[in-house]
Amino acid sequence: CILLLSLFCVMGVAHAQITVDAIEARHEIGDQLLVLEDSSGRMGIAEVLEADRTGLFQLKGSKSFKIGYKKATYWTKFTISNRSDSNQKLILEYFFNRAGKVVDLYYSSENGAPVKIASTDKQDPAQLQPLSHRFIAFPLTLKAQETVAYYSRIENRAFLDLDHTLYTESGFAENYKNNYVFFGAFFGIMFI
């Protein structure tokens, strides 16, 4: 099945902003992703916001950013602007497995205060847990005419590839279905 192309317009790469009008399937946001390495692993969201204000985040600049085997903590930032007149339900997928990783997701609220909205840490009382999926994925909702900055804290104790993808709900389901059909065919052939 062919996925329809997304009608994403990338505005101001220096600001890592993704503009969403009427999206159909998926959008890899790697080349609009800002990255900050937290070498101590102890930065809180307030320190990260200050680092953002002082320009310490760096534009990743490519769709794929492979860290490799490195015990480190990274912060990523991207901004989504919903220019449509309706709410948009999206899925944010981190294209790496869950093993050896903790991901916390924050957004800047209307008054600029950071709000933790999701976590893969089962001990964390964040509002959302990730979707049941082979990679880490969180649902997002953008209100009509809303612009939101998202910050992710990614604590890594294994191989890390900093690839993020945005999907519509239907695009995510289609991708999920296509991947499992492929894996089913692959393993079916292996057993023959």
N, C-alpha and C. Protein backbone atom coordinates (compact mmCIF):
# COMPACT_ATOMS: atom_id res chain seq x y z
N CYS A 1 0.85 -1.18 0.00
CA CYS A 1 0.00 0.00 0.00
C CYS A 1 0.90 1.25 0.00
N ILE A 2 0.55 2.18 -0.80
CA ILE A 2 1.37 3.39 -0.93
C ILE A 2 0.90 4.42 0.09
N LEU A 3 1.85 4.93 0.85
CA LEU A 3 1.53 6.00 1.80
C LEU A 3 1.46 7.32 1.05
N LEU A 4 0.46 8.09 1.34
CA LEU A 4 0.35 9.41 0.72
C LEU A 4 1.42 10.32 1.28
N LEU A 5 1.92 11.19 0.44
CA LEU A 5 2.93 12.14 0.90
C LEU A 5 2.31 13.13 1.87
N SER A 6 3.07 13.49 2.87
CA SER A 6 2.58 14.46 3.85
C SER A 6 2.63 15.85 3.26
N LEU A 7 1.72 16.65 3.67
CA LEU A 7 1.73 18.05 3.26
C LEU A 7 2.34 18.87 4.37
N PHE A 8 3.59 18.54 4.69
CA PHE A 8 4.34 19.26 5.69
C PHE A 8 5.13 20.34 5.00
N CYS A 9 5.17 21.50 5.56
CA CYS A 9 6.02 22.57 5.07
C CYS A 9 7.01 22.87 6.17
N VAL A 10 8.25 22.85 5.87
CA VAL A 10 9.27 23.13 6.87
C VAL A 10 9.60 24.61 6.79
N MET A 11 9.39 25.30 7.88
CA MET A 11 9.61 26.73 7.93
C MET A 11 10.75 27.00 8.89
N GLY A 12 11.73 27.75 8.48
CA GLY A 12 12.79 28.19 9.38
C GLY A 12 13.56 27.06 10.00
N VAL A 13 14.37 26.35 9.23
CA VAL A 13 15.12 25.22 9.74
C VAL A 13 15.96 25.61 10.95
N ALA A 14 16.46 26.82 10.99
CA ALA A 14 17.26 27.26 12.13
C ALA A 14 16.45 27.18 13.42
N HIS A 15 15.13 27.30 13.31
CA HIS A 15 14.27 27.20 14.48
C HIS A 15 13.71 25.81 14.66
N ALA A 16 14.04 24.89 13.74
CA ALA A 16 13.58 23.50 13.81
C ALA A 16 12.06 23.44 13.93
N GLN A 17 11.36 24.20 13.12
CA GLN A 17 9.90 24.24 13.19
C GLN A 17 9.29 23.45 12.04
N ILE A 18 8.30 22.64 12.37
CA ILE A 18 7.57 21.85 11.40
C ILE A 18 6.16 22.42 11.34
N THR A 19 5.73 22.81 10.17
CA THR A 19 4.39 23.37 10.02
C THR A 19 3.47 22.29 9.45
N VAL A 20 2.37 22.07 10.15
CA VAL A 20 1.43 21.03 9.77
C VAL A 20 0.15 21.69 9.26
N ASP A 21 -0.23 21.37 8.05
CA ASP A 21 -1.52 21.83 7.54
C ASP A 21 -2.48 20.64 7.53
N ALA A 22 -2.55 19.95 6.46
CA ALA A 22 -3.39 18.76 6.37
C ALA A 22 -2.46 17.59 6.07
N ILE A 23 -2.06 16.85 7.09
CA ILE A 23 -1.08 15.79 6.89
C ILE A 23 -1.78 14.48 6.60
N GLU A 24 -1.10 13.63 5.87
CA GLU A 24 -1.69 12.36 5.45
C GLU A 24 -0.99 11.14 6.02
N ALA A 25 0.32 11.17 6.22
CA ALA A 25 0.97 9.93 6.61
C ALA A 25 2.12 10.14 7.59
N ARG A 26 3.31 10.45 7.10
CA ARG A 26 4.49 10.50 7.97
C ARG A 26 5.45 11.60 7.54
N HIS A 27 6.27 12.00 8.51
CA HIS A 27 7.29 13.01 8.24
C HIS A 27 8.48 12.74 9.15
N GLU A 28 9.63 12.45 8.57
CA GLU A 28 10.85 12.28 9.36
C GLU A 28 11.35 13.66 9.74
N ILE A 29 11.55 13.88 11.02
CA ILE A 29 11.91 15.22 11.48
C ILE A 29 13.38 15.35 11.83
N GLY A 30 14.17 14.36 11.42
CA GLY A 30 15.60 14.37 11.76
C GLY A 30 16.33 15.62 11.37
N ASP A 31 16.07 16.14 10.16
CA ASP A 31 16.83 17.31 9.73
C ASP A 31 16.28 18.61 10.30
N GLN A 32 15.21 18.57 11.07
CA GLN A 32 14.71 19.74 11.79
C GLN A 32 14.91 19.61 13.30
N LEU A 33 15.64 18.58 13.70
CA LEU A 33 15.81 18.26 15.11
C LEU A 33 17.03 18.99 15.69
N LEU A 34 16.82 19.64 16.83
CA LEU A 34 17.92 20.27 17.57
C LEU A 34 18.37 19.31 18.66
N VAL A 35 19.68 19.21 18.89
CA VAL A 35 20.23 18.22 19.83
C VAL A 35 21.18 18.90 20.81
N LEU A 36 21.11 18.46 22.07
CA LEU A 36 22.01 18.93 23.12
C LEU A 36 22.49 17.71 23.89
N GLU A 37 23.81 17.52 23.98
CA GLU A 37 24.34 16.41 24.78
C GLU A 37 24.50 16.87 26.22
N ASP A 38 23.93 16.10 27.13
CA ASP A 38 24.02 16.35 28.57
C ASP A 38 25.08 15.39 29.12
N SER A 39 26.32 15.81 29.13
CA SER A 39 27.43 14.91 29.50
C SER A 39 27.33 14.44 30.95
N SER A 40 26.75 15.25 31.83
CA SER A 40 26.62 14.83 33.23
C SER A 40 25.40 13.93 33.43
N GLY A 41 24.42 14.03 32.54
CA GLY A 41 23.20 13.25 32.69
C GLY A 41 22.27 13.78 33.76
N ARG A 42 22.56 14.97 34.29
CA ARG A 42 21.79 15.51 35.42
C ARG A 42 21.03 16.79 35.11
N MET A 43 21.05 17.24 33.87
CA MET A 43 20.34 18.49 33.56
C MET A 43 18.84 18.30 33.72
N GLY A 44 18.21 19.28 34.35
CA GLY A 44 16.77 19.29 34.45
C GLY A 44 16.18 20.13 33.32
N ILE A 45 14.87 20.12 33.22
CA ILE A 45 14.23 20.85 32.12
C ILE A 45 14.48 22.35 32.22
N ALA A 46 14.58 22.91 33.42
CA ALA A 46 14.85 24.35 33.55
C ALA A 46 16.23 24.69 32.98
N GLU A 47 17.22 23.86 33.25
CA GLU A 47 18.56 24.08 32.69
C GLU A 47 18.56 23.92 31.17
N VAL A 48 17.76 23.00 30.68
CA VAL A 48 17.67 22.77 29.24
C VAL A 48 17.02 23.96 28.55
N LEU A 49 15.98 24.52 29.15
CA LEU A 49 15.34 25.71 28.58
C LEU A 49 16.32 26.88 28.54
N GLU A 50 17.14 27.01 29.58
CA GLU A 50 18.16 28.07 29.59
C GLU A 50 19.21 27.81 28.49
N ALA A 51 19.61 26.55 28.33
CA ALA A 51 20.56 26.20 27.27
C ALA A 51 19.96 26.51 25.90
N ASP A 52 18.66 26.30 25.76
CA ASP A 52 17.98 26.62 24.51
C ASP A 52 17.98 28.13 24.26
N ARG A 53 17.70 28.91 25.30
CA ARG A 53 17.69 30.38 25.17
C ARG A 53 19.06 30.93 24.80
N THR A 54 20.12 30.25 25.27
CA THR A 54 21.47 30.74 24.99
C THR A 54 22.08 30.10 23.74
N GLY A 55 21.30 29.31 23.02
CA GLY A 55 21.74 28.77 21.73
C GLY A 55 22.66 27.57 21.80
N LEU A 56 22.59 26.77 22.86
CA LEU A 56 23.48 25.61 22.98
C LEU A 56 23.00 24.38 22.20
N PHE A 57 21.72 24.35 21.84
CA PHE A 57 21.23 23.25 21.01
C PHE A 57 21.84 23.38 19.63
N GLN A 58 22.14 22.25 18.99
CA GLN A 58 22.71 22.26 17.65
C GLN A 58 21.76 21.55 16.70
N LEU A 59 21.63 22.10 15.50
CA LEU A 59 20.79 21.50 14.48
C LEU A 59 21.45 20.21 14.02
N LYS A 60 20.70 19.12 14.07
CA LYS A 60 21.23 17.82 13.65
C LYS A 60 21.57 17.84 12.17
N GLY A 61 20.69 18.41 11.36
CA GLY A 61 20.99 18.66 9.96
C GLY A 61 20.93 17.48 9.01
N SER A 62 20.59 16.29 9.48
CA SER A 62 20.44 15.16 8.58
C SER A 62 19.33 14.28 9.12
N LYS A 63 18.76 13.46 8.24
CA LYS A 63 17.64 12.62 8.67
C LYS A 63 18.08 11.54 9.64
N SER A 64 19.32 11.12 9.56
CA SER A 64 19.82 10.06 10.42
C SER A 64 21.00 10.57 11.24
N PHE A 65 20.99 10.29 12.52
CA PHE A 65 22.05 10.73 13.42
C PHE A 65 22.37 9.57 14.35
N LYS A 66 23.38 8.82 14.03
CA LYS A 66 23.71 7.63 14.79
C LYS A 66 24.77 7.96 15.84
N ILE A 67 24.42 7.74 17.08
CA ILE A 67 25.32 8.00 18.20
C ILE A 67 26.23 6.79 18.42
N GLY A 68 25.69 5.61 18.27
CA GLY A 68 26.44 4.38 18.51
C GLY A 68 26.31 3.96 19.96
N TYR A 69 27.25 3.14 20.41
CA TYR A 69 27.24 2.66 21.79
C TYR A 69 27.91 3.69 22.68
N LYS A 70 27.12 4.45 23.38
CA LYS A 70 27.65 5.50 24.23
C LYS A 70 26.67 5.71 25.38
N LYS A 71 27.16 5.58 26.59
CA LYS A 71 26.31 5.85 27.75
C LYS A 71 26.27 7.36 27.92
N ALA A 72 25.15 7.94 27.56
CA ALA A 72 25.03 9.41 27.60
C ALA A 72 23.56 9.79 27.65
N THR A 73 23.33 11.05 27.93
CA THR A 73 21.98 11.60 27.92
C THR A 73 21.92 12.71 26.89
N TYR A 74 20.90 12.69 26.06
CA TYR A 74 20.71 13.70 25.03
C TYR A 74 19.34 14.35 25.21
N TRP A 75 19.28 15.62 24.88
CA TRP A 75 18.02 16.35 24.81
C TRP A 75 17.80 16.71 23.34
N THR A 76 16.57 16.52 22.89
CA THR A 76 16.22 16.95 21.53
C THR A 76 15.08 17.95 21.62
N LYS A 77 15.00 18.81 20.62
CA LYS A 77 13.93 19.81 20.56
C LYS A 77 13.44 19.93 19.13
N PHE A 78 12.13 20.03 18.99
CA PHE A 78 11.52 20.36 17.71
C PHE A 78 10.23 21.11 17.99
N THR A 79 9.80 21.90 17.04
CA THR A 79 8.59 22.71 17.20
C THR A 79 7.61 22.35 16.09
N ILE A 80 6.35 22.16 16.47
CA ILE A 80 5.30 21.87 15.49
C ILE A 80 4.30 23.00 15.53
N SER A 81 3.95 23.51 14.37
CA SER A 81 2.93 24.55 14.24
C SER A 81 1.76 23.99 13.45
N ASN A 82 0.59 23.95 14.08
CA ASN A 82 -0.63 23.47 13.42
C ASN A 82 -1.36 24.67 12.85
N ARG A 83 -1.29 24.85 11.56
CA ARG A 83 -1.94 26.00 10.94
C ARG A 83 -3.35 25.70 10.45
N SER A 84 -3.82 24.50 10.69
CA SER A 84 -5.16 24.15 10.24
C SER A 84 -6.21 24.65 11.24
N ASP A 85 -7.45 24.59 10.85
CA ASP A 85 -8.55 25.03 11.72
C ASP A 85 -9.12 23.89 12.55
N SER A 86 -8.43 22.76 12.57
CA SER A 86 -8.89 21.63 13.37
C SER A 86 -7.73 21.05 14.17
N ASN A 87 -8.05 20.35 15.23
CA ASN A 87 -7.03 19.69 16.04
C ASN A 87 -6.36 18.61 15.20
N GLN A 88 -5.08 18.38 15.45
CA GLN A 88 -4.34 17.33 14.76
C GLN A 88 -3.86 16.31 15.77
N LYS A 89 -4.19 15.05 15.53
CA LYS A 89 -3.69 13.96 16.37
C LYS A 89 -2.54 13.30 15.64
N LEU A 90 -1.38 13.30 16.30
CA LEU A 90 -0.16 12.78 15.70
C LEU A 90 0.46 11.73 16.60
N ILE A 91 1.36 10.95 16.03
CA ILE A 91 2.14 9.98 16.79
C ILE A 91 3.61 10.34 16.59
N LEU A 92 4.34 10.50 17.69
CA LEU A 92 5.78 10.75 17.64
C LEU A 92 6.48 9.43 17.91
N GLU A 93 7.26 8.96 16.93
CA GLU A 93 7.99 7.70 17.07
C GLU A 93 9.48 7.99 17.16
N TYR A 94 10.10 7.39 18.18
CA TYR A 94 11.56 7.41 18.31
C TYR A 94 12.04 6.12 17.68
N PHE A 95 12.82 6.22 16.62
CA PHE A 95 13.19 5.06 15.84
C PHE A 95 14.36 4.32 16.48
N PHE A 96 14.14 3.84 17.71
CA PHE A 96 15.09 2.96 18.38
C PHE A 96 14.32 2.11 19.35
N ASN A 97 14.89 0.95 19.69
CA ASN A 97 14.17 0.05 20.59
C ASN A 97 14.23 0.57 22.03
N ARG A 98 13.47 -0.05 22.87
CA ARG A 98 13.33 0.41 24.26
C ARG A 98 14.49 -0.01 25.16
N ALA A 99 15.23 -1.03 24.76
CA ALA A 99 16.27 -1.61 25.63
C ALA A 99 17.32 -0.56 26.01
N GLY A 100 17.53 -0.39 27.29
CA GLY A 100 18.59 0.48 27.79
C GLY A 100 18.32 1.96 27.60
N LYS A 101 17.05 2.35 27.48
CA LYS A 101 16.74 3.76 27.25
C LYS A 101 15.57 4.21 28.13
N VAL A 102 15.65 5.45 28.56
CA VAL A 102 14.52 6.11 29.22
C VAL A 102 14.27 7.39 28.44
N VAL A 103 13.03 7.60 28.03
CA VAL A 103 12.67 8.81 27.28
C VAL A 103 11.59 9.56 28.05
N ASP A 104 11.83 10.85 28.31
CA ASP A 104 10.85 11.73 28.91
C ASP A 104 10.51 12.79 27.88
N LEU A 105 9.23 13.11 27.73
CA LEU A 105 8.77 14.09 26.75
C LEU A 105 8.12 15.27 27.46
N TYR A 106 8.56 16.48 27.10
CA TYR A 106 8.04 17.73 27.68
C TYR A 106 7.53 18.62 26.55
N TYR A 107 6.68 19.57 26.91
CA TYR A 107 6.33 20.63 25.97
C TYR A 107 6.28 21.94 26.74
N SER A 108 6.42 23.04 26.00
CA SER A 108 6.30 24.36 26.61
C SER A 108 4.83 24.75 26.59
N SER A 109 4.28 25.01 27.76
CA SER A 109 2.87 25.39 27.85
C SER A 109 2.68 26.81 27.34
N GLU A 110 1.43 27.25 27.28
CA GLU A 110 1.11 28.58 26.77
C GLU A 110 1.83 29.69 27.52
N ASN A 111 2.06 29.50 28.83
CA ASN A 111 2.77 30.52 29.60
C ASN A 111 4.28 30.30 29.61
N GLY A 112 4.76 29.33 28.81
CA GLY A 112 6.19 29.09 28.68
C GLY A 112 6.75 28.11 29.69
N ALA A 113 5.94 27.67 30.64
CA ALA A 113 6.41 26.72 31.65
C ALA A 113 6.47 25.31 31.04
N PRO A 114 7.52 24.57 31.33
CA PRO A 114 7.62 23.21 30.79
C PRO A 114 6.68 22.26 31.52
N VAL A 115 6.09 21.35 30.76
CA VAL A 115 5.18 20.36 31.32
C VAL A 115 5.63 18.98 30.84
N LYS A 116 5.87 18.06 31.77
CA LYS A 116 6.22 16.70 31.39
C LYS A 116 4.94 15.96 31.02
N ILE A 117 4.89 15.45 29.80
CA ILE A 117 3.64 14.82 29.36
C ILE A 117 3.76 13.32 29.17
N ALA A 118 4.97 12.78 29.10
CA ALA A 118 5.10 11.34 28.86
C ALA A 118 6.45 10.84 29.32
N SER A 119 6.51 9.55 29.63
CA SER A 119 7.76 8.93 30.04
C SER A 119 7.70 7.44 29.79
N THR A 120 8.87 6.84 29.49
CA THR A 120 8.95 5.39 29.39
C THR A 120 9.30 4.76 30.72
N ASP A 121 9.63 5.58 31.72
CA ASP A 121 9.96 5.10 33.06
C ASP A 121 8.67 4.70 33.76
N LYS A 122 8.54 3.41 34.07
CA LYS A 122 7.30 2.92 34.68
C LYS A 122 7.07 3.49 36.08
N GLN A 123 8.11 3.99 36.73
CA GLN A 123 7.98 4.59 38.05
C GLN A 123 7.53 6.04 38.00
N ASP A 124 7.49 6.61 36.81
CA ASP A 124 7.19 8.03 36.63
C ASP A 124 5.68 8.23 36.46
N PRO A 125 5.09 9.15 37.20
CA PRO A 125 3.64 9.38 37.09
C PRO A 125 3.26 10.33 35.96
N ALA A 126 4.07 10.43 34.90
CA ALA A 126 3.73 11.31 33.77
C ALA A 126 2.37 10.92 33.20
N GLN A 127 1.74 11.84 32.53
CA GLN A 127 0.38 11.62 32.03
C GLN A 127 0.28 10.48 31.02
N LEU A 128 1.27 10.32 30.17
CA LEU A 128 1.20 9.31 29.12
C LEU A 128 2.31 8.28 29.25
N GLN A 129 1.99 7.05 28.98
CA GLN A 129 2.99 6.02 28.79
C GLN A 129 3.06 5.80 27.28
N PRO A 130 4.16 5.25 26.79
CA PRO A 130 4.26 5.05 25.35
C PRO A 130 3.24 4.05 24.84
N LEU A 131 2.98 4.13 23.53
CA LEU A 131 2.09 3.18 22.89
C LEU A 131 2.75 1.80 22.89
N SER A 132 1.95 0.76 22.81
CA SER A 132 2.48 -0.58 22.71
C SER A 132 2.99 -0.76 21.28
N HIS A 133 4.31 -0.72 21.14
CA HIS A 133 4.94 -0.71 19.82
C HIS A 133 6.38 -1.16 19.98
N ARG A 134 6.99 -1.67 18.93
CA ARG A 134 8.37 -2.16 19.04
C ARG A 134 9.37 -1.04 19.27
N PHE A 135 9.04 0.19 18.82
CA PHE A 135 9.86 1.35 19.11
C PHE A 135 9.11 2.20 20.14
N ILE A 136 9.74 3.25 20.62
CA ILE A 136 9.07 4.14 21.57
C ILE A 136 8.23 5.13 20.77
N ALA A 137 6.95 5.24 21.12
CA ALA A 137 6.02 6.11 20.39
C ALA A 137 5.01 6.71 21.37
N PHE A 138 4.77 8.02 21.23
CA PHE A 138 3.81 8.73 22.07
C PHE A 138 2.76 9.42 21.21
N PRO A 139 1.50 9.44 21.65
CA PRO A 139 0.49 10.22 20.94
C PRO A 139 0.59 11.70 21.31
N LEU A 140 0.39 12.58 20.34
CA LEU A 140 0.39 14.03 20.56
C LEU A 140 -0.88 14.61 19.97
N THR A 141 -1.40 15.66 20.59
CA THR A 141 -2.55 16.38 20.04
C THR A 141 -2.20 17.86 19.98
N LEU A 142 -2.33 18.44 18.80
CA LEU A 142 -2.12 19.87 18.62
C LEU A 142 -3.46 20.52 18.35
N LYS A 143 -3.76 21.55 19.11
CA LYS A 143 -5.00 22.29 18.89
C LYS A 143 -4.90 23.10 17.61
N ALA A 144 -6.03 23.50 17.08
CA ALA A 144 -6.07 24.33 15.88
C ALA A 144 -5.28 25.61 16.12
N GLN A 145 -4.46 26.00 15.15
CA GLN A 145 -3.67 27.24 15.19
C GLN A 145 -2.69 27.29 16.36
N GLU A 146 -2.22 26.13 16.84
CA GLU A 146 -1.32 26.07 17.98
C GLU A 146 0.11 25.76 17.52
N THR A 147 1.09 26.38 18.17
CA THR A 147 2.50 26.08 17.95
C THR A 147 3.08 25.60 19.27
N VAL A 148 3.73 24.43 19.24
CA VAL A 148 4.24 23.82 20.47
C VAL A 148 5.69 23.39 20.26
N ALA A 149 6.54 23.71 21.24
CA ALA A 149 7.92 23.23 21.27
C ALA A 149 7.97 21.99 22.16
N TYR A 150 8.54 20.92 21.63
CA TYR A 150 8.68 19.67 22.38
C TYR A 150 10.15 19.43 22.69
N TYR A 151 10.41 18.95 23.91
CA TYR A 151 11.75 18.61 24.36
C TYR A 151 11.73 17.15 24.81
N SER A 152 12.71 16.38 24.38
CA SER A 152 12.82 14.98 24.80
C SER A 152 14.14 14.79 25.53
N ARG A 153 14.07 14.13 26.66
CA ARG A 153 15.28 13.72 27.38
C ARG A 153 15.45 12.24 27.10
N ILE A 154 16.58 11.88 26.48
CA ILE A 154 16.82 10.49 26.10
C ILE A 154 18.07 10.01 26.84
N GLU A 155 17.83 9.16 27.83
CA GLU A 155 18.93 8.58 28.60
C GLU A 155 19.28 7.25 27.96
N ASN A 156 20.52 7.11 27.53
CA ASN A 156 20.93 5.96 26.75
C ASN A 156 21.97 5.12 27.49
N ARG A 157 21.74 3.80 27.50
CA ARG A 157 22.71 2.86 28.04
C ARG A 157 23.01 1.76 27.02
N ALA A 158 22.70 2.04 25.74
CA ALA A 158 22.88 1.05 24.67
C ALA A 158 23.14 1.80 23.37
N PHE A 159 22.94 1.14 22.24
CA PHE A 159 23.12 1.77 20.93
C PHE A 159 22.01 2.80 20.73
N LEU A 160 22.37 3.97 20.20
CA LEU A 160 21.36 5.03 20.02
C LEU A 160 21.45 5.62 18.63
N ASP A 161 20.29 5.76 18.05
CA ASP A 161 20.10 6.38 16.73
C ASP A 161 19.03 7.45 16.94
N LEU A 162 19.39 8.74 16.86
CA LEU A 162 18.44 9.81 17.17
C LEU A 162 17.55 10.15 15.98
N ASP A 163 16.71 9.22 15.60
CA ASP A 163 15.76 9.46 14.51
C ASP A 163 14.36 9.57 15.10
N HIS A 164 13.65 10.64 14.74
CA HIS A 164 12.28 10.87 15.20
C HIS A 164 11.39 10.98 13.97
N THR A 165 10.18 10.43 14.05
CA THR A 165 9.23 10.50 12.94
C THR A 165 7.87 10.89 13.49
N LEU A 166 7.19 11.79 12.78
CA LEU A 166 5.81 12.17 13.11
C LEU A 166 4.86 11.47 12.14
N TYR A 167 3.79 10.91 12.67
CA TYR A 167 2.77 10.25 11.86
C TYR A 167 1.40 10.81 12.21
N THR A 168 0.49 10.74 11.27
CA THR A 168 -0.92 10.85 11.62
C THR A 168 -1.29 9.50 12.22
N GLU A 169 -2.44 9.41 12.87
CA GLU A 169 -2.86 8.12 13.43
C GLU A 169 -3.00 7.07 12.33
N SER A 170 -3.60 7.45 11.20
CA SER A 170 -3.78 6.48 10.10
C SER A 170 -2.44 6.13 9.46
N GLY A 171 -1.53 7.10 9.33
CA GLY A 171 -0.20 6.82 8.78
C GLY A 171 0.59 5.87 9.66
N PHE A 172 0.46 6.04 10.99
CA PHE A 172 1.15 5.16 11.93
C PHE A 172 0.61 3.74 11.82
N ALA A 173 -0.71 3.61 11.76
CA ALA A 173 -1.33 2.28 11.63
C ALA A 173 -0.92 1.61 10.33
N GLU A 174 -0.88 2.37 9.24
CA GLU A 174 -0.48 1.83 7.94
C GLU A 174 0.98 1.37 7.97
N ASN A 175 1.86 2.17 8.54
CA ASN A 175 3.27 1.81 8.64
C ASN A 175 3.45 0.57 9.50
N TYR A 176 2.74 0.51 10.60
CA TYR A 176 2.79 -0.63 11.52
C TYR A 176 2.37 -1.89 10.80
N LYS A 177 1.25 -1.80 10.08
CA LYS A 177 0.73 -2.95 9.33
C LYS A 177 1.73 -3.39 8.26
N ASN A 178 2.26 -2.47 7.48
CA ASN A 178 3.21 -2.81 6.42
C ASN A 178 4.47 -3.46 6.96
N ASN A 179 4.99 -2.95 8.08
CA ASN A 179 6.18 -3.53 8.68
C ASN A 179 5.95 -4.97 9.13
N TYR A 180 4.80 -5.22 9.74
CA TYR A 180 4.55 -6.56 10.23
C TYR A 180 4.24 -7.54 9.10
N VAL A 181 3.66 -7.09 8.01
CA VAL A 181 3.49 -7.95 6.84
C VAL A 181 4.86 -8.33 6.30
N PHE A 182 5.77 -7.36 6.21
CA PHE A 182 7.13 -7.63 5.74
C PHE A 182 7.83 -8.62 6.66
N PHE A 183 7.79 -8.39 7.98
CA PHE A 183 8.45 -9.30 8.91
C PHE A 183 7.83 -10.69 8.85
N GLY A 184 6.51 -10.76 8.70
CA GLY A 184 5.84 -12.06 8.58
C GLY A 184 6.32 -12.81 7.35
N ALA A 185 6.41 -12.11 6.22
CA ALA A 185 6.89 -12.74 4.99
C ALA A 185 8.35 -13.17 5.14
N PHE A 186 9.17 -12.30 5.73
CA PHE A 186 10.59 -12.62 5.92
C PHE A 186 10.78 -13.85 6.76
N PHE A 187 10.13 -13.90 7.93
CA PHE A 187 10.30 -15.05 8.81
C PHE A 187 9.62 -16.29 8.25
N GLY A 188 8.53 -16.10 7.49
CA GLY A 188 7.89 -17.24 6.82
C GLY A 188 8.84 -17.90 5.83
N ILE A 189 9.56 -17.10 5.07
CA ILE A 189 10.54 -17.61 4.11
C ILE A 189 11.69 -18.29 4.84
N MET A 190 12.10 -17.71 5.97
CA MET A 190 13.19 -18.30 6.75
C MET A 190 12.86 -19.71 7.25
N PHE A 191 11.60 -19.93 7.60
CA PHE A 191 11.19 -21.22 8.13
C PHE A 191 11.05 -22.29 7.03
N ILE A 192 10.90 -21.84 5.80
CA ILE A 192 10.71 -22.80 4.68
C ILE A 192 11.99 -23.43 4.30
